[in-house]
Amino acid sequence: MCRAEAHQLYLRKPIFDSLGVQLFVVLHEDIESEVKDFWPRYWGGVVVHDRGRDFYKALGGGKLLKENFISGFLLNPRALSNYKRSKSMNIEYNFKGEGEIKGGLFIIGSGKSGIAYQFIERNFGDWAPLAEVIEICTQMQKELAKKLNLQVPEQYLYPNQDSVVVWNTTSLPQVPVIDFSKLLSEDATELEKLDHASKEWGFFQLINHGVDHSLVENVKIGVLEFLSLPFEEKKKFWQTTDDMEGFGQLFVVSENQKLEWSDLFFTTTLPFYARNPRIFPNIPQPLRFYIFFSLHLCALAVGNCFAILVPK
C-alpha cells in the first residue's frame, strides 16, 4: 500500500468506524525517518511493523511479491501513471529502503471466518477500489448481524440516511503542517502559517516537535491495548448517570436521541486536580505513565509557544 492509498483510506475512517471495522497499516521495515514522514501525515491510525514480512508473504501465496525498480517502475507505464497521480495530490513517493516488495490489502472477517477480500498491488502504486472495499465491509456487517440475529436498537437506526459517497479528495486543500523548530527560531513565515491554521482550520499537523518516536509508538500501542480490553474490564470505566467521563457517548439529552455507532472514551487529564479519581488512577500501566509523561512534554511545548507568541 502506497502513501496515497493509505491516506485515501484513512480519510474514510469514520465510515469504517460506523461499520465496526478496525484499520491497520503493516510495514515491512522500520526506517524511523520514513515512519515519521508517514505517520500521522498520511495515516493517523495504528501502524504495525511486520518483522517476518508474513503479511507480504501471505499476499504472494507464501512468498514475497517483488519486482525490480527498472522493469517495475521506470519501464511500467501504469506505475508511472500512479506516481503522477500521487504527485498531483502533493504526496511524495518513498524511495528509501527496500522498494521492490509489493503490498496490498486484506479485509479479515470476524472470528474464524478468514479473509473476506484481498487486493494485490500488481503495479507499484495500485490502489484497492475504495468503493468496493467499503461495499465489502458493509455486506460483512449485514451478514454478521443476520447470522447473530441481532436487533439494532431504535436509537441507532437512521432510516433516511443518504447512501455512502466516496469523495474525490484530490483537489481538496491539505491539512496545514507547522514546523515547531521554526516556531522556536521565531520564523515569521511559520508564525503566519500558525496564525492562519488556527483561525481558518482550528487544527494542524505539528512536525519537528522533538517528541521521541518511541514514546509516540508506545502511546499508540497502549491506547490500542486499552481499547481492546475485555468487555468486563471496560465496564469499570463505563459512564454513570452522574458522570460523563469514561466509555460511552457525550451530549445525550433524550432517550429518543439518535446515537453514534461508535463509543468514545473521555477523561480529563489537565489540570491535575480535575482528574477523575474513578477513571485516571485505574488506567492500566504503562499507558498511564506514557500519558503522564506526554502531558509534561505538552506543557513544555505550550510554554515555549507562549514565550514566542506573547508580545514583548
C-alpha atoms as a PDB file:
ATOM      1  CA  MET A   1       0.000   0.000   0.000  1.00  0.00           C
ATOM      2  CA  CYS A   2       1.461   3.359  -1.017  1.00  0.00           C
ATOM      3  CA  ARG A   3       1.195   6.599   0.946  1.00  0.00           C
ATOM      4  CA  ALA A   4      -1.540   7.928  -1.327  1.00  0.00           C
ATOM      5  CA  GLU A   5      -3.722   4.843  -0.888  1.00  0.00           C
ATOM      6  CA  ALA A   6      -3.192   4.825   2.870  1.00  0.00           C
ATOM      7  CA  HIS A   7      -4.155   8.496   3.009  1.00  0.00           C
ATOM      8  CA  GLN A   8      -7.321   7.951   0.990  1.00  0.00           C
ATOM      9  CA  LEU A   9      -8.348   5.006   3.169  1.00  0.00           C
ATOM     10  CA  TYR A  10      -7.782   6.896   6.396  1.00  0.00           C
ATOM     11  CA  LEU A  11      -9.877   9.805   5.181  1.00  0.00           C
ATOM     12  CA  ARG A  12     -12.785   7.310   5.220  1.00  0.00           C
ATOM     13  CA  LYS A  13     -12.112   6.201   8.801  1.00  0.00           C
ATOM     14  CA  PRO A  14     -15.490   7.500  10.077  1.00  0.00           C
ATOM     15  CA  ILE A  15     -17.194   5.204   7.563  1.00  0.00           C
ATOM     16  CA  PHE A  16     -15.165   2.184   8.697  1.00  0.00           C
ATOM     17  CA  ASP A  17     -15.768   3.083  12.347  1.00  0.00           C
ATOM     18  CA  SER A  18     -19.515   3.076  11.746  1.00  0.00           C
ATOM     19  CA  LEU A  19     -19.171  -0.406  10.215  1.00  0.00           C
ATOM     20  CA  GLY A  20     -17.165  -1.710  13.159  1.00  0.00           C
ATOM     21  CA  VAL A  21     -14.032  -2.174  11.036  1.00  0.00           C
ATOM     22  CA  GLN A  22     -10.580  -1.554  12.509  1.00  0.00           C
ATOM     23  CA  LEU A  23      -7.844  -0.212  10.242  1.00  0.00           C
ATOM     24  CA  PHE A  24      -4.183  -1.221  10.449  1.00  0.00           C
ATOM     25  CA  VAL A  25      -1.171  -0.399   8.311  1.00  0.00           C
ATOM     26  CA  VAL A  26       1.546  -3.067   8.122  1.00  0.00           C
ATOM     27  CA  LEU A  27       5.142  -2.026   7.360  1.00  0.00           C
ATOM     28  CA  HIS A  28       7.782  -4.479   6.138  1.00  0.00           C
ATOM     29  CA  GLU A  29      10.680  -2.404   7.512  1.00  0.00           C
ATOM     30  CA  ASP A  30      11.134   0.160  10.258  1.00  0.00           C
ATOM     31  CA  ILE A  31      13.071   3.177   8.994  1.00  0.00           C
ATOM     32  CA  GLU A  32      12.492   5.846  11.623  1.00  0.00           C
ATOM     33  CA  SER A  33      12.668   8.846   9.280  1.00  0.00           C
ATOM     34  CA  GLU A  34      10.189   7.236   6.880  1.00  0.00           C
ATOM     35  CA  VAL A  35       7.768   6.272   9.655  1.00  0.00           C
ATOM     36  CA  LYS A  36       7.824   9.854  10.899  1.00  0.00           C
ATOM     37  CA  ASP A  37       7.087  11.109   7.380  1.00  0.00           C
ATOM     38  CA  PHE A  38       4.229   8.625   7.027  1.00  0.00           C
ATOM     39  CA  TRP A  39       2.583   8.895  10.453  1.00  0.00           C
ATOM     40  CA  PRO A  40       0.482  10.889  11.147  1.00  0.00           C
ATOM     41  CA  ARG A  41       0.685  12.966   7.961  1.00  0.00           C
ATOM     42  CA  TYR A  42      -0.729  10.275   5.686  1.00  0.00           C
ATOM     43  CA  TRP A  43      -2.069   7.806   8.236  1.00  0.00           C
ATOM     44  CA  GLY A  44      -3.251   8.660  11.738  1.00  0.00           C
ATOM     45  CA  GLY A  45      -4.134   5.141  12.870  1.00  0.00           C
ATOM     46  CA  VAL A  46      -2.319   2.049  14.081  1.00  0.00           C
ATOM     47  CA  VAL A  47       0.965   1.132  12.385  1.00  0.00           C
ATOM     48  CA  VAL A  48       2.414  -2.373  12.812  1.00  0.00           C
ATOM     49  CA  HIS A  49       5.947  -3.494  11.895  1.00  0.00           C
ATOM     50  CA  ASP A  50       5.892  -6.963  10.308  1.00  0.00           C
ATOM     51  CA  ARG A  51       9.423  -8.123  11.090  1.00  0.00           C
ATOM     52  CA  GLY A  52       8.995 -11.501   9.383  1.00  0.00           C
ATOM     53  CA  ARG A  53       7.113  -9.958   6.443  1.00  0.00           C
ATOM     54  CA  ASP A  54       4.446 -12.624   6.906  1.00  0.00           C
ATOM     55  CA  PHE A  55       1.686 -10.256   5.768  1.00  0.00           C
ATOM     56  CA  TYR A  56       3.513  -9.654   2.492  1.00  0.00           C
ATOM     57  CA  LYS A  57       4.238 -13.351   2.040  1.00  0.00           C
ATOM     58  CA  ALA A  58       0.540 -14.101   2.534  1.00  0.00           C
ATOM     59  CA  LEU A  59      -0.262 -11.704  -0.326  1.00  0.00           C
ATOM     60  CA  GLY A  60       2.041 -13.708  -2.562  1.00  0.00           C
ATOM     61  CA  GLY A  61       0.739 -17.100  -1.535  1.00  0.00           C
ATOM     62  CA  GLY A  62       3.707 -17.839   0.702  1.00  0.00           C
ATOM     63  CA  LYS A  63       6.439 -15.794  -0.959  1.00  0.00           C
ATOM     64  CA  LEU A  64       7.208 -12.118  -1.354  1.00  0.00           C
ATOM     65  CA  LEU A  65       5.932 -10.413  -4.491  1.00  0.00           C
ATOM     66  CA  LYS A  66       8.909  -8.446  -5.814  1.00  0.00           C
ATOM     67  CA  GLU A  67       9.862  -6.595  -8.974  1.00  0.00           C
ATOM     68  CA  ASN A  68      12.988  -4.595  -9.652  1.00  0.00           C
ATOM     69  CA  PHE A  69      12.901  -0.818  -9.942  1.00  0.00           C
ATOM     70  CA  ILE A  70      13.668  -0.624 -13.671  1.00  0.00           C
ATOM     71  CA  SER A  71      11.054  -3.052 -15.021  1.00  0.00           C
ATOM     72  CA  GLY A  72       8.549  -2.479 -12.243  1.00  0.00           C
ATOM     73  CA  PHE A  73       8.668   1.312 -12.239  1.00  0.00           C
ATOM     74  CA  LEU A  74      10.740   3.081 -14.878  1.00  0.00           C
ATOM     75  CA  LEU A  75       9.530   0.865 -17.750  1.00  0.00           C
ATOM     76  CA  ASN A  76       5.983   0.371 -16.422  1.00  0.00           C
ATOM     77  CA  PRO A  77       3.513   2.977 -17.797  1.00  0.00           C
ATOM     78  CA  ARG A  78       0.893   2.058 -15.158  1.00  0.00           C
ATOM     79  CA  ALA A  79       3.355   2.551 -12.291  1.00  0.00           C
ATOM     80  CA  LEU A  80       4.486   5.891 -13.747  1.00  0.00           C
ATOM     81  CA  SER A  81       0.844   6.953 -14.052  1.00  0.00           C
ATOM     82  CA  ASN A  82       0.299   6.010 -10.398  1.00  0.00           C
ATOM     83  CA  TYR A  83       3.329   8.084  -9.454  1.00  0.00           C
ATOM     84  CA  LYS A  84       1.977  11.134 -11.308  1.00  0.00           C
ATOM     85  CA  ARG A  85      -1.395  10.689  -9.582  1.00  0.00           C
ATOM     86  CA  SER A  86       0.269  10.823  -6.170  1.00  0.00           C
ATOM     87  CA  LYS A  87       2.346  13.850  -7.164  1.00  0.00           C
ATOM     88  CA  SER A  88      -0.827  15.672  -8.227  1.00  0.00           C
ATOM     89  CA  MET A  89      -2.150  15.083  -4.699  1.00  0.00           C
ATOM     90  CA  ASN A  90       1.006  16.618  -3.177  1.00  0.00           C
ATOM     91  CA  ILE A  91       2.016  13.209  -1.830  1.00  0.00           C
ATOM     92  CA  GLU A  92       5.681  12.343  -2.087  1.00  0.00           C
ATOM     93  CA  TYR A  93       6.783   8.824  -3.049  1.00  0.00           C
ATOM     94  CA  ASN A  94       9.047   6.958  -0.661  1.00  0.00           C
ATOM     95  CA  PHE A  95      12.315   5.935  -2.346  1.00  0.00           C
ATOM     96  CA  LYS A  96      14.232   4.882   0.771  1.00  0.00           C
ATOM     97  CA  GLY A  97      14.814   1.328   1.928  1.00  0.00           C
ATOM     98  CA  GLU A  98      13.544  -1.868   0.300  1.00  0.00           C
ATOM     99  CA  GLY A  99      11.498  -0.735  -2.670  1.00  0.00           C
ATOM    100  CA  GLU A 100      10.911  -3.946  -4.610  1.00  0.00           C
ATOM    101  CA  ILE A 101       8.315  -5.597  -2.357  1.00  0.00           C
ATOM    102  CA  LYS A 102       4.725  -5.157  -3.454  1.00  0.00           C
ATOM    103  CA  GLY A 103       1.909  -4.683  -0.975  1.00  0.00           C
ATOM    104  CA  GLY A 104      -1.831  -4.979  -0.904  1.00  0.00           C
ATOM    105  CA  LEU A 105      -4.864  -5.119   1.314  1.00  0.00           C
ATOM    106  CA  PHE A 106      -6.731  -7.766   3.304  1.00  0.00           C
ATOM    107  CA  ILE A 107     -10.219  -7.487   4.763  1.00  0.00           C
ATOM    108  CA  ILE A 108     -10.459 -10.037   7.572  1.00  0.00           C
ATOM    109  CA  GLY A 109     -13.843 -11.265   8.721  1.00  0.00           C
ATOM    110  CA  SER A 110     -14.851 -11.686  12.359  1.00  0.00           C
ATOM    111  CA  GLY A 111     -13.995 -14.771  14.363  1.00  0.00           C
ATOM    112  CA  LYS A 112     -12.648 -17.616  12.244  1.00  0.00           C
ATOM    113  CA  SER A 113     -14.302 -16.519   9.005  1.00  0.00           C
ATOM    114  CA  GLY A 114     -10.913 -15.698   7.497  1.00  0.00           C
ATOM    115  CA  ILE A 115     -10.135 -13.443   4.539  1.00  0.00           C
ATOM    116  CA  ALA A 116     -13.200 -11.788   3.032  1.00  0.00           C
ATOM    117  CA  TYR A 117     -11.350  -9.730   0.426  1.00  0.00           C
ATOM    118  CA  GLN A 118      -7.831  -9.480  -0.973  1.00  0.00           C
ATOM    119  CA  PHE A 119      -6.197  -6.887  -3.204  1.00  0.00           C
ATOM    120  CA  ILE A 120      -2.676  -7.275  -4.576  1.00  0.00           C
ATOM    121  CA  GLU A 121      -0.541  -4.397  -5.836  1.00  0.00           C
ATOM    122  CA  ARG A 122       0.203  -5.702  -9.327  1.00  0.00           C
ATOM    123  CA  ASN A 123       1.781  -2.406 -10.395  1.00  0.00           C
ATOM    124  CA  PHE A 124       3.634  -0.174  -7.967  1.00  0.00           C
ATOM    125  CA  GLY A 125       1.164   2.397  -6.637  1.00  0.00           C
ATOM    126  CA  ASP A 126      -2.028   0.457  -7.487  1.00  0.00           C
ATOM    127  CA  TRP A 127      -4.952   1.129  -5.135  1.00  0.00           C
ATOM    128  CA  ALA A 128      -7.677  -1.176  -3.967  1.00  0.00           C
ATOM    129  CA  PRO A 129     -11.017   0.244  -5.277  1.00  0.00           C
ATOM    130  CA  LEU A 130     -12.302   2.276  -2.324  1.00  0.00           C
ATOM    131  CA  ALA A 131     -15.975   1.911  -3.194  1.00  0.00           C
ATOM    132  CA  GLU A 132     -15.507  -1.863  -3.434  1.00  0.00           C
ATOM    133  CA  VAL A 133     -13.700  -2.036  -0.094  1.00  0.00           C
ATOM    134  CA  ILE A 134     -16.474  -0.091   1.643  1.00  0.00           C
ATOM    135  CA  GLU A 135     -19.155  -2.232  -0.004  1.00  0.00           C
ATOM    136  CA  ILE A 136     -17.457  -5.453   1.171  1.00  0.00           C
ATOM    137  CA  CYS A 137     -17.269  -4.139   4.742  1.00  0.00           C
ATOM    138  CA  THR A 138     -20.934  -3.082   4.593  1.00  0.00           C
ATOM    139  CA  GLN A 139     -22.019  -6.538   3.427  1.00  0.00           C
ATOM    140  CA  MET A 140     -19.918  -8.191   6.141  1.00  0.00           C
ATOM    141  CA  GLN A 141     -21.674  -6.124   8.795  1.00  0.00           C
ATOM    142  CA  LYS A 142     -25.091  -7.056   7.435  1.00  0.00           C
ATOM    143  CA  GLU A 143     -24.227 -10.769   7.245  1.00  0.00           C
ATOM    144  CA  LEU A 144     -22.861 -10.772  10.781  1.00  0.00           C
ATOM    145  CA  ALA A 145     -25.994  -9.096  12.132  1.00  0.00           C
ATOM    146  CA  LYS A 146     -28.171 -11.613  10.283  1.00  0.00           C
ATOM    147  CA  LYS A 147     -26.112 -14.588  11.473  1.00  0.00           C
ATOM    148  CA  LEU A 148     -26.282 -13.499  15.096  1.00  0.00           C
ATOM    149  CA  ASN A 149     -29.931 -12.492  14.740  1.00  0.00           C
ATOM    150  CA  LEU A 150     -29.050  -9.055  16.022  1.00  0.00           C
ATOM    151  CA  GLN A 151     -31.741  -6.476  16.518  1.00  0.00           C
ATOM    152  CA  VAL A 152     -30.370  -2.960  16.198  1.00  0.00           C
ATOM    153  CA  PRO A 153     -31.810  -0.666  18.900  1.00  0.00           C
ATOM    154  CA  GLU A 154     -34.053   2.072  17.570  1.00  0.00           C
ATOM    155  CA  GLN A 155     -31.643   4.786  18.739  1.00  0.00           C
ATOM    156  CA  TYR A 156     -29.004   3.510  16.301  1.00  0.00           C
ATOM    157  CA  LEU A 157     -31.235   3.361  13.224  1.00  0.00           C
ATOM    158  CA  TYR A 158     -31.010   6.125  10.626  1.00  0.00           C
ATOM    159  CA  PRO A 159     -33.735   5.201   8.102  1.00  0.00           C
ATOM    160  CA  ASN A 160     -33.373   8.327   5.975  1.00  0.00           C
ATOM    161  CA  GLN A 161     -29.599   8.349   5.832  1.00  0.00           C
ATOM    162  CA  ASP A 162     -28.053   9.076   2.455  1.00  0.00           C
ATOM    163  CA  SER A 163     -26.028   6.337   0.781  1.00  0.00           C
ATOM    164  CA  VAL A 164     -22.256   6.339   1.235  1.00  0.00           C
ATOM    165  CA  VAL A 165     -20.497   8.741  -1.101  1.00  0.00           C
ATOM    166  CA  VAL A 166     -16.792   8.231  -1.781  1.00  0.00           C
ATOM    167  CA  TRP A 167     -15.436  11.693  -2.430  1.00  0.00           C
ATOM    168  CA  ASN A 168     -12.593  12.517  -4.754  1.00  0.00           C
ATOM    169  CA  THR A 169     -10.246  14.378  -2.420  1.00  0.00           C
ATOM    170  CA  THR A 170      -7.537  15.036  -4.990  1.00  0.00           C
ATOM    171  CA  SER A 171      -8.402  18.714  -5.262  1.00  0.00           C
ATOM    172  CA  LEU A 172      -9.145  19.288  -1.576  1.00  0.00           C
ATOM    173  CA  PRO A 173      -6.792  21.530   0.438  1.00  0.00           C
ATOM    174  CA  GLN A 174      -4.231  19.741   2.590  1.00  0.00           C
ATOM    175  CA  VAL A 175      -4.187  19.978   6.382  1.00  0.00           C
ATOM    176  CA  PRO A 176      -1.718  22.726   7.441  1.00  0.00           C
ATOM    177  CA  VAL A 177       1.709  21.474   8.532  1.00  0.00           C
ATOM    178  CA  ILE A 178       3.554  23.549  11.146  1.00  0.00           C
ATOM    179  CA  ASP A 179       7.281  23.141  11.809  1.00  0.00           C
ATOM    180  CA  PHE A 180       7.817  23.529  15.555  1.00  0.00           C
ATOM    181  CA  SER A 181      11.579  24.038  15.164  1.00  0.00           C
ATOM    182  CA  LYS A 182      10.867  27.109  13.010  1.00  0.00           C
ATOM    183  CA  LEU A 183       8.480  28.455  15.643  1.00  0.00           C
ATOM    184  CA  LEU A 184      11.253  28.198  18.220  1.00  0.00           C
ATOM    185  CA  SER A 185      13.527  30.229  15.967  1.00  0.00           C
ATOM    186  CA  GLU A 186      10.748  32.841  15.602  1.00  0.00           C
ATOM    187  CA  ASP A 187      10.433  32.333  11.859  1.00  0.00           C
ATOM    188  CA  ALA A 188       7.954  34.993  10.689  1.00  0.00           C
ATOM    189  CA  THR A 189       6.541  32.888   7.832  1.00  0.00           C
ATOM    190  CA  GLU A 190       5.929  29.921  10.116  1.00  0.00           C
ATOM    191  CA  LEU A 191       4.214  32.169  12.676  1.00  0.00           C
ATOM    192  CA  GLU A 192       1.912  33.439   9.925  1.00  0.00           C
ATOM    193  CA  LYS A 193       1.132  29.828   8.921  1.00  0.00           C
ATOM    194  CA  LEU A 194       0.307  29.015  12.557  1.00  0.00           C
ATOM    195  CA  ASP A 195      -1.945  32.065  12.790  1.00  0.00           C
ATOM    196  CA  HIS A 196      -3.754  31.115   9.573  1.00  0.00           C
ATOM    197  CA  ALA A 197      -4.146  27.458  10.569  1.00  0.00           C
ATOM    198  CA  SER A 198      -5.520  28.390  13.984  1.00  0.00           C
ATOM    199  CA  LYS A 199      -8.031  30.880  12.598  1.00  0.00           C
ATOM    200  CA  GLU A 200      -9.123  29.123   9.408  1.00  0.00           C
ATOM    201  CA  TRP A 201      -8.760  25.414  10.292  1.00  0.00           C
ATOM    202  CA  GLY A 202      -8.738  25.114  14.068  1.00  0.00           C
ATOM    203  CA  PHE A 203      -6.124  22.337  13.927  1.00  0.00           C
ATOM    204  CA  PHE A 204      -2.864  21.449  12.189  1.00  0.00           C
ATOM    205  CA  GLN A 205      -0.130  18.812  11.984  1.00  0.00           C
ATOM    206  CA  LEU A 206       2.968  19.584  14.026  1.00  0.00           C
ATOM    207  CA  ILE A 207       6.347  18.291  12.797  1.00  0.00           C
ATOM    208  CA  ASN A 208       9.885  18.514  14.206  1.00  0.00           C
ATOM    209  CA  HIS A 209       8.399  18.726  17.698  1.00  0.00           C
ATOM    210  CA  GLY A 210      11.201  16.798  19.349  1.00  0.00           C
ATOM    211  CA  VAL A 211       8.970  14.119  20.846  1.00  0.00           C
ATOM    212  CA  ASP A 212      10.776  10.784  20.702  1.00  0.00           C
ATOM    213  CA  HIS A 213       9.314   8.397  18.124  1.00  0.00           C
ATOM    214  CA  SER A 214       9.364   5.502  20.602  1.00  0.00           C
ATOM    215  CA  LEU A 215       7.141   7.473  23.005  1.00  0.00           C
ATOM    216  CA  VAL A 216       4.608   8.089  20.243  1.00  0.00           C
ATOM    217  CA  GLU A 217       4.619   4.405  19.325  1.00  0.00           C
ATOM    218  CA  ASN A 218       4.262   3.314  22.955  1.00  0.00           C
ATOM    219  CA  VAL A 219       1.278   5.617  23.449  1.00  0.00           C
ATOM    220  CA  LYS A 220      -0.368   4.225  20.294  1.00  0.00           C
ATOM    221  CA  ILE A 221       0.205   0.636  21.417  1.00  0.00           C
ATOM    222  CA  GLY A 222      -1.050   1.422  24.923  1.00  0.00           C
ATOM    223  CA  VAL A 223      -4.219   3.050  23.608  1.00  0.00           C
ATOM    224  CA  LEU A 224      -4.888   0.107  21.280  1.00  0.00           C
ATOM    225  CA  GLU A 225      -4.456  -2.363  24.156  1.00  0.00           C
ATOM    226  CA  PHE A 226      -6.698  -0.253  26.386  1.00  0.00           C
ATOM    227  CA  LEU A 227      -9.456  -0.083  23.778  1.00  0.00           C
ATOM    228  CA  SER A 228      -9.093  -3.848  23.262  1.00  0.00           C
ATOM    229  CA  LEU A 229      -9.748  -4.706  26.925  1.00  0.00           C
ATOM    230  CA  PRO A 230     -12.365  -7.416  27.553  1.00  0.00           C
ATOM    231  CA  PHE A 231     -15.904  -6.113  27.965  1.00  0.00           C
ATOM    232  CA  GLU A 232     -15.938  -6.920  31.687  1.00  0.00           C
ATOM    233  CA  GLU A 233     -12.803  -4.798  32.186  1.00  0.00           C
ATOM    234  CA  LYS A 234     -14.250  -1.935  30.158  1.00  0.00           C
ATOM    235  CA  LYS A 235     -17.339  -1.880  32.378  1.00  0.00           C
ATOM    236  CA  LYS A 236     -15.131  -0.495  35.155  1.00  0.00           C
ATOM    237  CA  PHE A 237     -14.675   2.609  33.019  1.00  0.00           C
ATOM    238  CA  TRP A 238     -18.258   2.964  31.812  1.00  0.00           C
ATOM    239  CA  GLN A 239     -20.095   6.251  32.153  1.00  0.00           C
ATOM    240  CA  THR A 240     -22.532   6.614  35.029  1.00  0.00           C
ATOM    241  CA  THR A 241     -25.760   8.594  35.245  1.00  0.00           C
ATOM    242  CA  ASP A 242     -23.986  11.435  37.060  1.00  0.00           C
ATOM    243  CA  ASP A 243     -20.534  11.178  35.442  1.00  0.00           C
ATOM    244  CA  MET A 244     -19.959  11.535  31.692  1.00  0.00           C
ATOM    245  CA  GLU A 245     -16.279  10.518  31.888  1.00  0.00           C
ATOM    246  CA  GLY A 246     -15.340   7.039  30.688  1.00  0.00           C
ATOM    247  CA  PHE A 247     -16.622   4.862  27.828  1.00  0.00           C
ATOM    248  CA  GLY A 248     -19.892   5.986  26.258  1.00  0.00           C
ATOM    249  CA  GLN A 249     -21.330   8.950  24.371  1.00  0.00           C
ATOM    250  CA  LEU A 250     -21.475  12.654  25.092  1.00  0.00           C
ATOM    251  CA  PHE A 251     -24.343  15.121  24.894  1.00  0.00           C
ATOM    252  CA  VAL A 252     -27.128  12.557  25.215  1.00  0.00           C
ATOM    253  CA  VAL A 253     -30.122  14.597  26.380  1.00  0.00           C
ATOM    254  CA  SER A 254     -33.043  12.361  25.433  1.00  0.00           C
ATOM    255  CA  GLU A 255     -33.926   8.661  25.427  1.00  0.00           C
ATOM    256  CA  ASN A 256     -35.138   9.090  21.842  1.00  0.00           C
ATOM    257  CA  GLN A 257     -31.955  10.782  20.630  1.00  0.00           C
ATOM    258  CA  LYS A 258     -30.084   9.109  17.775  1.00  0.00           C
ATOM    259  CA  LEU A 259     -26.698   7.744  18.900  1.00  0.00           C
ATOM    260  CA  GLU A 260     -23.379   7.221  17.169  1.00  0.00           C
ATOM    261  CA  TRP A 261     -22.346   3.706  16.166  1.00  0.00           C
ATOM    262  CA  SER A 262     -19.015   4.023  17.961  1.00  0.00           C
ATOM    263  CA  ASP A 263     -18.459   4.962  21.595  1.00  0.00           C
ATOM    264  CA  LEU A 264     -15.699   7.232  22.808  1.00  0.00           C
ATOM    265  CA  PHE A 265     -13.516   7.224  25.887  1.00  0.00           C
ATOM    266  CA  PHE A 266     -13.385  10.592  27.612  1.00  0.00           C
ATOM    267  CA  THR A 267     -11.400  11.617  30.669  1.00  0.00           C
ATOM    268  CA  THR A 268      -9.854  14.847  31.945  1.00  0.00           C
ATOM    269  CA  THR A 269      -6.065  14.840  32.210  1.00  0.00           C
ATOM    270  CA  LEU A 270      -5.304  18.503  32.875  1.00  0.00           C
ATOM    271  CA  PRO A 271      -5.303  20.307  35.233  1.00  0.00           C
ATOM    272  CA  PHE A 272      -4.142  17.580  37.583  1.00  0.00           C
ATOM    273  CA  TYR A 273      -6.659  18.418  40.315  1.00  0.00           C
ATOM    274  CA  ALA A 274      -9.536  17.869  37.864  1.00  0.00           C
ATOM    275  CA  ARG A 275      -8.657  14.230  37.158  1.00  0.00           C
ATOM    276  CA  ASN A 276     -11.459  11.807  37.860  1.00  0.00           C
ATOM    277  CA  PRO A 277     -10.452   9.528  40.788  1.00  0.00           C
ATOM    278  CA  ARG A 278     -12.731   6.810  39.404  1.00  0.00           C
ATOM    279  CA  ILE A 279     -11.073   6.829  35.971  1.00  0.00           C
ATOM    280  CA  PHE A 280      -7.492   8.073  35.707  1.00  0.00           C
ATOM    281  CA  PRO A 281      -5.829   6.051  38.533  1.00  0.00           C
ATOM    282  CA  ASN A 282      -7.345   2.861  37.065  1.00  0.00           C
ATOM    283  CA  ILE A 283      -5.941   3.323  33.553  1.00  0.00           C
ATOM    284  CA  PRO A 284      -3.528   0.385  33.262  1.00  0.00           C
ATOM    285  CA  GLN A 285       0.216   0.804  33.165  1.00  0.00           C
ATOM    286  CA  PRO A 286       2.287   1.553  31.189  1.00  0.00           C
ATOM    287  CA  LEU A 287      -0.319   3.674  29.345  1.00  0.00           C
ATOM    288  CA  ARG A 288      -0.943   5.844  32.409  1.00  0.00           C
ATOM    289  CA  PHE A 289       2.779   6.603  32.652  1.00  0.00           C
ATOM    290  CA  TYR A 290       3.027   7.467  28.954  1.00  0.00           C
ATOM    291  CA  ILE A 291       0.026   9.803  29.228  1.00  0.00           C
ATOM    292  CA  PHE A 292       1.576  11.458  32.285  1.00  0.00           C
ATOM    293  CA  PHE A 293       4.935  11.875  30.518  1.00  0.00           C
ATOM    294  CA  SER A 294       3.268  13.169  27.328  1.00  0.00           C
ATOM    295  CA  LEU A 295       1.379  15.801  29.312  1.00  0.00           C
ATOM    296  CA  HIS A 296       4.641  17.153  30.693  1.00  0.00           C
ATOM    297  CA  LEU A 297       6.011  17.408  27.147  1.00  0.00           C
ATOM    298  CA  CYS A 298       2.848  19.242  26.089  1.00  0.00           C
ATOM    299  CA  ALA A 299       3.253  21.658  28.988  1.00  0.00           C
ATOM    300  CA  LEU A 300       6.819  22.394  27.884  1.00  0.00           C
ATOM    301  CA  ALA A 301       5.692  22.882  24.281  1.00  0.00           C
ATOM    302  CA  VAL A 302       2.851  25.228  25.280  1.00  0.00           C
ATOM    303  CA  GLY A 303       5.249  27.181  27.468  1.00  0.00           C
ATOM    304  CA  ASN A 304       7.619  27.615  24.534  1.00  0.00           C
ATOM    305  CA  CYS A 305       4.783  28.740  22.247  1.00  0.00           C
ATOM    306  CA  PHE A 306       3.630  31.318  24.740  1.00  0.00           C
ATOM    307  CA  ALA A 307       7.181  32.559  25.063  1.00  0.00           C
ATOM    308  CA  ILE A 308       7.196  33.107  21.289  1.00  0.00           C
ATOM    309  CA  LEU A 309       3.695  34.451  20.716  1.00  0.00           C
ATOM    310  CA  VAL A 310       3.290  36.821  23.635  1.00  0.00           C
ATOM    311  CA  PRO A 311       4.452  40.321  22.553  1.00  0.00           C
ATOM    312  CA  LYS A 312       7.500  41.639  24.350  1.00  0.00           C
END
